[in-house]
Amino acid sequence: MAEREVEYPIIEPDEQKLLQLSAGIQKQFDLELLGIDVIIENSTGRYAVIDINVFPGAVRLLFVLYTAQTVFII
């Protein structure tokens, strides 16, 4: 017996909802630069934040820029 496949509509993320989520998280945790992972439930369209990360690349980038300034300024 073949498994029955259930088809769900493809839900395009709503940019306004994502902006509201990220702004709320920024305010709650007092962060200016962060990354979030969001999933959207197909059957209801509800959004869920499943991961919040302080943006680690920013620290590395600032270090590289500082180092470049130190090395190339004579």
PDB file of N, CA and C in Angstrom:
ATOM      1  N   MET A   1       0.840  -1.175   0.000  1.00  0.00           N
ATOM      2  CA  MET A   1       0.000   0.000   0.000  1.00  0.00           C
ATOM      3  C   MET A   1       0.893   1.250   0.000  1.00  0.00           C
ATOM      4  N   ALA A   2       0.711   2.107  -0.967  1.00  0.00           N
ATOM      5  CA  ALA A   2       1.513   3.330  -1.086  1.00  0.00           C
ATOM      6  C   ALA A   2       1.067   4.357  -0.052  1.00  0.00           C
ATOM      7  N   GLU A   3       2.072   5.087   0.453  1.00  0.00           N
ATOM      8  CA  GLU A   3       1.748   6.145   1.406  1.00  0.00           C
ATOM      9  C   GLU A   3       1.041   7.278   0.682  1.00  0.00           C
ATOM     10  N   ARG A   4       0.079   7.857   1.358  1.00  0.00           N
ATOM     11  CA  ARG A   4      -0.661   8.974   0.785  1.00  0.00           C
ATOM     12  C   ARG A   4       0.119  10.265   1.028  1.00  0.00           C
ATOM     13  N   GLU A   5       0.381  10.998  -0.030  1.00  0.00           N
ATOM     14  CA  GLU A   5       1.101  12.255   0.094  1.00  0.00           C
ATOM     15  C   GLU A   5       0.103  13.382   0.347  1.00  0.00           C
ATOM     16  N   VAL A   6       0.432  14.220   1.299  1.00  0.00           N
ATOM     17  CA  VAL A   6      -0.398  15.375   1.601  1.00  0.00           C
ATOM     18  C   VAL A   6       0.280  16.599   1.013  1.00  0.00           C
ATOM     19  N   GLU A   7      -0.462  17.360   0.244  1.00  0.00           N
ATOM     20  CA  GLU A   7       0.095  18.558  -0.358  1.00  0.00           C
ATOM     21  C   GLU A   7      -0.354  19.773   0.440  1.00  0.00           C
ATOM     22  N   TYR A   8       0.607  20.612   0.763  1.00  0.00           N
ATOM     23  CA  TYR A   8       0.322  21.859   1.460  1.00  0.00           C
ATOM     24  C   TYR A   8       0.716  23.009   0.552  1.00  0.00           C
ATOM     25  N   PRO A   9       0.017  24.104   0.686  1.00  0.00           N
ATOM     26  CA  PRO A   9       0.401  25.266  -0.138  1.00  0.00           C
ATOM     27  C   PRO A   9       1.757  25.795   0.306  1.00  0.00           C
ATOM     28  N   ILE A  10       2.477  26.370  -0.629  1.00  0.00           N
ATOM     29  CA  ILE A  10       3.735  27.022  -0.294  1.00  0.00           C
ATOM     30  C   ILE A  10       3.399  28.393   0.270  1.00  0.00           C
ATOM     31  N   ILE A  11       3.881  28.654   1.468  1.00  0.00           N
ATOM     32  CA  ILE A  11       3.596  29.921   2.119  1.00  0.00           C
ATOM     33  C   ILE A  11       4.812  30.829   1.978  1.00  0.00           C
ATOM     34  N   GLU A  12       4.612  31.943   1.328  1.00  0.00           N
ATOM     35  CA  GLU A  12       5.678  32.928   1.201  1.00  0.00           C
ATOM     36  C   GLU A  12       5.732  33.720   2.500  1.00  0.00           C
ATOM     37  N   PRO A  13       6.920  33.908   3.065  1.00  0.00           N
ATOM     38  CA  PRO A  13       7.028  34.675   4.309  1.00  0.00           C
ATOM     39  C   PRO A  13       6.528  36.107   4.128  1.00  0.00           C
ATOM     40  N   ASP A  14       5.811  36.590   5.124  1.00  0.00           N
ATOM     41  CA  ASP A  14       5.315  37.964   5.140  1.00  0.00           C
ATOM     42  C   ASP A  14       6.406  38.849   5.741  1.00  0.00           C
ATOM     43  N   GLU A  15       6.951  39.749   4.942  1.00  0.00           N
ATOM     44  CA  GLU A  15       8.069  40.579   5.379  1.00  0.00           C
ATOM     45  C   GLU A  15       7.706  41.401   6.620  1.00  0.00           C
ATOM     46  N   GLN A  16       6.482  41.903   6.686  1.00  0.00           N
ATOM     47  CA  GLN A  16       6.068  42.704   7.847  1.00  0.00           C
ATOM     48  C   GLN A  16       6.064  41.867   9.124  1.00  0.00           C
ATOM     49  N   LYS A  17       5.600  40.626   9.042  1.00  0.00           N
ATOM     50  CA  LYS A  17       5.612  39.744  10.218  1.00  0.00           C
ATOM     51  C   LYS A  17       7.044  39.449  10.663  1.00  0.00           C
ATOM     52  N   LEU A  18       7.929  39.226   9.693  1.00  0.00           N
ATOM     53  CA  LEU A  18       9.326  38.962  10.030  1.00  0.00           C
ATOM     54  C   LEU A  18       9.979  40.183  10.675  1.00  0.00           C
ATOM     55  N   LEU A  19       9.661  41.373  10.167  1.00  0.00           N
ATOM     56  CA  LEU A  19      10.194  42.598  10.758  1.00  0.00           C
ATOM     57  C   LEU A  19       9.675  42.795  12.180  1.00  0.00           C
ATOM     58  N   GLN A  20       8.396  42.497  12.401  1.00  0.00           N
ATOM     59  CA  GLN A  20       7.818  42.605  13.741  1.00  0.00           C
ATOM     60  C   GLN A  20       8.477  41.615  14.702  1.00  0.00           C
ATOM     61  N   LEU A  21       8.667  40.385  14.242  1.00  0.00           N
ATOM     62  CA  LEU A  21       9.325  39.376  15.079  1.00  0.00           C
ATOM     63  C   LEU A  21      10.735  39.812  15.448  1.00  0.00           C
ATOM     64  N   SER A  22      11.503  40.224  14.446  1.00  0.00           N
ATOM     65  CA  SER A  22      12.896  40.584  14.720  1.00  0.00           C
ATOM     66  C   SER A  22      12.978  41.827  15.611  1.00  0.00           C
ATOM     67  N   ALA A  23      12.106  42.806  15.402  1.00  0.00           N
ATOM     68  CA  ALA A  23      12.116  44.012  16.238  1.00  0.00           C
ATOM     69  C   ALA A  23      11.767  43.672  17.684  1.00  0.00           C
ATOM     70  N   GLY A  24      10.793  42.787  17.878  1.00  0.00           N
ATOM     71  CA  GLY A  24      10.417  42.373  19.225  1.00  0.00           C
ATOM     72  C   GLY A  24      11.545  41.640  19.939  1.00  0.00           C
ATOM     73  N   ILE A  25      12.231  40.784  19.204  1.00  0.00           N
ATOM     74  CA  ILE A  25      13.352  40.035  19.781  1.00  0.00           C
ATOM     75  C   ILE A  25      14.507  40.980  20.105  1.00  0.00           C
ATOM     76  N   GLN A  26      14.797  41.911  19.201  1.00  0.00           N
ATOM     77  CA  GLN A  26      15.861  42.888  19.450  1.00  0.00           C
ATOM     78  C   GLN A  26      15.581  43.680  20.726  1.00  0.00           C
ATOM     79  N   LYS A  27      14.338  44.113  20.886  1.00  0.00           N
ATOM     80  CA  LYS A  27      13.966  44.901  22.062  1.00  0.00           C
ATOM     81  C   LYS A  27      14.024  44.050  23.332  1.00  0.00           C
ATOM     82  N   GLN A  28      13.488  42.845  23.266  1.00  0.00           N
ATOM     83  CA  GLN A  28      13.429  41.965  24.437  1.00  0.00           C
ATOM     84  C   GLN A  28      14.819  41.619  24.968  1.00  0.00           C
ATOM     85  N   PHE A  29      15.751  41.352  24.057  1.00  0.00           N
ATOM     86  CA  PHE A  29      17.090  40.921  24.457  1.00  0.00           C
ATOM     87  C   PHE A  29      18.138  42.037  24.369  1.00  0.00           C
ATOM     88  N   ASP A  30      17.700  43.250  24.018  1.00  0.00           N
ATOM     89  CA  ASP A  30      18.590  44.400  23.904  1.00  0.00           C
ATOM     90  C   ASP A  30      19.777  44.105  22.973  1.00  0.00           C
ATOM     91  N   LEU A  31      19.451  43.616  21.782  1.00  0.00           N
ATOM     92  CA  LEU A  31      20.460  43.292  20.773  1.00  0.00           C
ATOM     93  C   LEU A  31      20.252  44.176  19.552  1.00  0.00           C
ATOM     94  N   GLU A  32      21.338  44.522  18.902  1.00  0.00           N
ATOM     95  CA  GLU A  32      21.217  45.312  17.682  1.00  0.00           C
ATOM     96  C   GLU A  32      21.440  44.480  16.429  1.00  0.00           C
ATOM     97  N   LEU A  33      22.241  43.440  16.544  1.00  0.00           N
ATOM     98  CA  LEU A  33      22.540  42.602  15.392  1.00  0.00           C
ATOM     99  C   LEU A  33      22.351  41.158  15.793  1.00  0.00           C
ATOM    100  N   LEU A  34      21.449  40.450  15.114  1.00  0.00           N
ATOM    101  CA  LEU A  34      21.150  39.074  15.484  1.00  0.00           C
ATOM    102  C   LEU A  34      20.672  38.302  14.261  1.00  0.00           C
ATOM    103  N   GLY A  35      20.617  37.005  14.420  1.00  0.00           N
ATOM    104  CA  GLY A  35      20.073  36.137  13.384  1.00  0.00           C
ATOM    105  C   GLY A  35      18.980  35.287  13.994  1.00  0.00           C
ATOM    106  N   ILE A  36      17.893  35.088  13.258  1.00  0.00           N
ATOM    107  CA  ILE A  36      16.814  34.230  13.752  1.00  0.00           C
ATOM    108  C   ILE A  36      16.442  33.213  12.680  1.00  0.00           C
ATOM    109  N   ASP A  37      16.005  32.058  13.130  1.00  0.00           N
ATOM    110  CA  ASP A  37      15.443  31.043  12.243  1.00  0.00           C
ATOM    111  C   ASP A  37      13.957  30.967  12.541  1.00  0.00           C
ATOM    112  N   VAL A  38      13.162  31.015  11.490  1.00  0.00           N
ATOM    113  CA  VAL A  38      11.709  31.017  11.635  1.00  0.00           C
ATOM    114  C   VAL A  38      11.127  29.903  10.773  1.00  0.00           C
ATOM    115  N   ILE A  39      10.127  29.217  11.315  1.00  0.00           N
ATOM    116  CA  ILE A  39       9.369  28.264  10.504  1.00  0.00           C
ATOM    117  C   ILE A  39       7.926  28.751  10.443  1.00  0.00           C
ATOM    118  N   ILE A  40       7.245  28.368   9.377  1.00  0.00           N
ATOM    119  CA  ILE A  40       5.848  28.736   9.201  1.00  0.00           C
ATOM    120  C   ILE A  40       5.049  27.448   9.085  1.00  0.00           C
ATOM    121  N   GLU A  41       4.051  27.304   9.921  1.00  0.00           N
ATOM    122  CA  GLU A  41       3.207  26.104   9.893  1.00  0.00           C
ATOM    123  C   GLU A  41       2.304  26.164   8.661  1.00  0.00           C
ATOM    124  N   ASN A  42       2.408  25.154   7.818  1.00  0.00           N
ATOM    125  CA  ASN A  42       1.658  25.144   6.563  1.00  0.00           C
ATOM    126  C   ASN A  42       0.153  25.222   6.759  1.00  0.00           C
ATOM    127  N   SER A  43      -0.363  24.455   7.690  1.00  0.00           N
ATOM    128  CA  SER A  43      -1.818  24.359   7.808  1.00  0.00           C
ATOM    129  C   SER A  43      -2.457  25.595   8.426  1.00  0.00           C
ATOM    130  N   THR A  44      -1.697  26.378   9.220  1.00  0.00           N
ATOM    131  CA  THR A  44      -2.282  27.548   9.888  1.00  0.00           C
ATOM    132  C   THR A  44      -1.634  28.867   9.485  1.00  0.00           C
ATOM    133  N   GLY A  45      -0.409  28.817   8.960  1.00  0.00           N
ATOM    134  CA  GLY A  45       0.310  30.036   8.625  1.00  0.00           C
ATOM    135  C   GLY A  45       0.951  30.711   9.828  1.00  0.00           C
ATOM    136  N   ARG A  46       0.949  30.022  10.992  1.00  0.00           N
ATOM    137  CA  ARG A  46       1.559  30.597  12.191  1.00  0.00           C
ATOM    138  C   ARG A  46       3.076  30.566  12.074  1.00  0.00           C
ATOM    139  N   TYR A  47       3.712  31.607  12.612  1.00  0.00           N
ATOM    140  CA  TYR A  47       5.165  31.733  12.608  1.00  0.00           C
ATOM    141  C   TYR A  47       5.706  31.285  13.957  1.00  0.00           C
ATOM    142  N   ALA A  48       6.861  30.619  13.939  1.00  0.00           N
ATOM    143  CA  ALA A  48       7.522  30.214  15.180  1.00  0.00           C
ATOM    144  C   ALA A  48       9.013  30.470  15.035  1.00  0.00           C
ATOM    145  N   VAL A  49       9.568  31.186  16.011  1.00  0.00           N
ATOM    146  CA  VAL A  49      11.010  31.413  16.047  1.00  0.00           C
ATOM    147  C   VAL A  49      11.628  30.196  16.711  1.00  0.00           C
ATOM    148  N   ILE A  50      12.523  29.514  16.010  1.00  0.00           N
ATOM    149  CA  ILE A  50      13.108  28.294  16.560  1.00  0.00           C
ATOM    150  C   ILE A  50      14.563  28.456  16.975  1.00  0.00           C
ATOM    151  N   ASP A  51      15.182  29.592  16.604  1.00  0.00           N
ATOM    152  CA  ASP A  51      16.578  29.806  16.986  1.00  0.00           C
ATOM    153  C   ASP A  51      16.883  31.293  16.937  1.00  0.00           C
ATOM    154  N   ILE A  52      17.616  31.768  17.945  1.00  0.00           N
ATOM    155  CA  ILE A  52      18.060  33.157  17.996  1.00  0.00           C
ATOM    156  C   ILE A  52      19.560  33.131  18.248  1.00  0.00           C
ATOM    157  N   ASN A  53      20.315  33.844  17.424  1.00  0.00           N
ATOM    158  CA  ASN A  53      21.767  33.890  17.567  1.00  0.00           C
ATOM    159  C   ASN A  53      22.255  35.326  17.535  1.00  0.00           C
ATOM    160  N   VAL A  54      23.157  35.645  18.468  1.00  0.00           N
ATOM    161  CA  VAL A  54      23.884  36.891  18.338  1.00  0.00           C
ATOM    162  C   VAL A  54      24.734  36.711  17.099  1.00  0.00           C
ATOM    163  N   PHE A  55      24.799  37.692  16.262  1.00  0.00           N
ATOM    164  CA  PHE A  55      25.449  37.553  14.968  1.00  0.00           C
ATOM    165  C   PHE A  55      26.964  37.453  15.128  1.00  0.00           C
ATOM    166  N   PRO A  56      27.524  36.241  15.075  1.00  0.00           N
ATOM    167  CA  PRO A  56      28.953  36.076  15.330  1.00  0.00           C
ATOM    168  C   PRO A  56      29.843  36.661  14.245  1.00  0.00           C
ATOM    169  N   GLY A  57      29.376  36.706  13.036  1.00  0.00           N
ATOM    170  CA  GLY A  57      30.187  37.239  11.948  1.00  0.00           C
ATOM    171  C   GLY A  57      30.522  38.706  12.141  1.00  0.00           C
ATOM    172  N   ALA A  58      29.685  39.431  12.855  1.00  0.00           N
ATOM    173  CA  ALA A  58      29.925  40.858  13.057  1.00  0.00           C
ATOM    174  C   ALA A  58      31.186  41.081  13.883  1.00  0.00           C
ATOM    175  N   VAL A  59      31.391  40.266  14.890  1.00  0.00           N
ATOM    176  CA  VAL A  59      32.580  40.414  15.731  1.00  0.00           C
ATOM    177  C   VAL A  59      33.831  40.154  14.903  1.00  0.00           C
ATOM    178  N   ARG A  60      33.820  39.104  14.100  1.00  0.00           N
ATOM    179  CA  ARG A  60      34.964  38.800  13.239  1.00  0.00           C
ATOM    180  C   ARG A  60      35.206  39.923  12.239  1.00  0.00           C
ATOM    181  N   LEU A  61      34.126  40.451  11.657  1.00  0.00           N
ATOM    182  CA  LEU A  61      34.260  41.522  10.671  1.00  0.00           C
ATOM    183  C   LEU A  61      34.866  42.761  11.314  1.00  0.00           C
ATOM    184  N   LEU A  62      34.413  43.136  12.487  1.00  0.00           N
ATOM    185  CA  LEU A  62      34.970  44.300  13.168  1.00  0.00           C
ATOM    186  C   LEU A  62      36.451  44.096  13.467  1.00  0.00           C
ATOM    187  N   PHE A  63      36.825  42.882  13.866  1.00  0.00           N
ATOM    188  CA  PHE A  63      38.228  42.582  14.135  1.00  0.00           C
ATOM    189  C   PHE A  63      39.064  42.731  12.860  1.00  0.00           C
ATOM    190  N   VAL A  64      38.555  42.201  11.765  1.00  0.00           N
ATOM    191  CA  VAL A  64      39.273  42.290  10.488  1.00  0.00           C
ATOM    192  C   VAL A  64      39.422  43.749  10.071  1.00  0.00           C
ATOM    193  N   LEU A  65      38.362  44.535  10.195  1.00  0.00           N
ATOM    194  CA  LEU A  65      38.438  45.945   9.817  1.00  0.00           C
ATOM    195  C   LEU A  65      39.428  46.698  10.699  1.00  0.00           C
ATOM    196  N   TYR A  66      39.391  46.426  12.007  1.00  0.00           N
ATOM    197  CA  TYR A  66      40.337  47.076  12.924  1.00  0.00           C
ATOM    198  C   TYR A  66      41.774  46.684  12.581  1.00  0.00           C
ATOM    199  N   THR A  67      41.983  45.398  12.339  1.00  0.00           N
ATOM    200  CA  THR A  67      43.317  44.911  11.999  1.00  0.00           C
ATOM    201  C   THR A  67      43.789  45.541  10.695  1.00  0.00           C
ATOM    202  N   ALA A  68      42.890  45.642   9.699  1.00  0.00           N
ATOM    203  CA  ALA A  68      43.259  46.242   8.416  1.00  0.00           C
ATOM    204  C   ALA A  68      43.641  47.697   8.601  1.00  0.00           C
ATOM    205  N   GLN A  69      42.914  48.419   9.430  1.00  0.00           N
ATOM    206  CA  GLN A  69      43.250  49.820   9.677  1.00  0.00           C
ATOM    207  C   GLN A  69      44.625  49.921  10.350  1.00  0.00           C
ATOM    208  N   THR A  70      44.879  49.052  11.294  1.00  0.00           N
ATOM    209  CA  THR A  70      46.139  49.085  12.036  1.00  0.00           C
ATOM    210  C   THR A  70      47.312  48.755  11.124  1.00  0.00           C
ATOM    211  N   VAL A  71      47.121  47.798  10.241  1.00  0.00           N
ATOM    212  CA  VAL A  71      48.201  47.360   9.370  1.00  0.00           C
ATOM    213  C   VAL A  71      48.479  48.365   8.259  1.00  0.00           C
ATOM    214  N   PHE A  72      47.406  48.970   7.680  1.00  0.00           N
ATOM    215  CA  PHE A  72      47.587  49.783   6.485  1.00  0.00           C
ATOM    216  C   PHE A  72      47.715  51.277   6.759  1.00  0.00           C
ATOM    217  N   ILE A  73      47.504  51.711   7.986  1.00  0.00           N
ATOM    218  CA  ILE A  73      47.686  53.131   8.282  1.00  0.00           C
ATOM    219  C   ILE A  73      49.130  53.348   8.710  1.00  0.00           C
ATOM    220  N   ILE A  74      49.821  54.245   8.037  1.00  0.00           N
ATOM    221  CA  ILE A  74      51.238  54.497   8.335  1.00  0.00           C
ATOM    222  C   ILE A  74      51.388  55.887   8.908  1.00  0.00           C
TER     223      ILE A  74
END
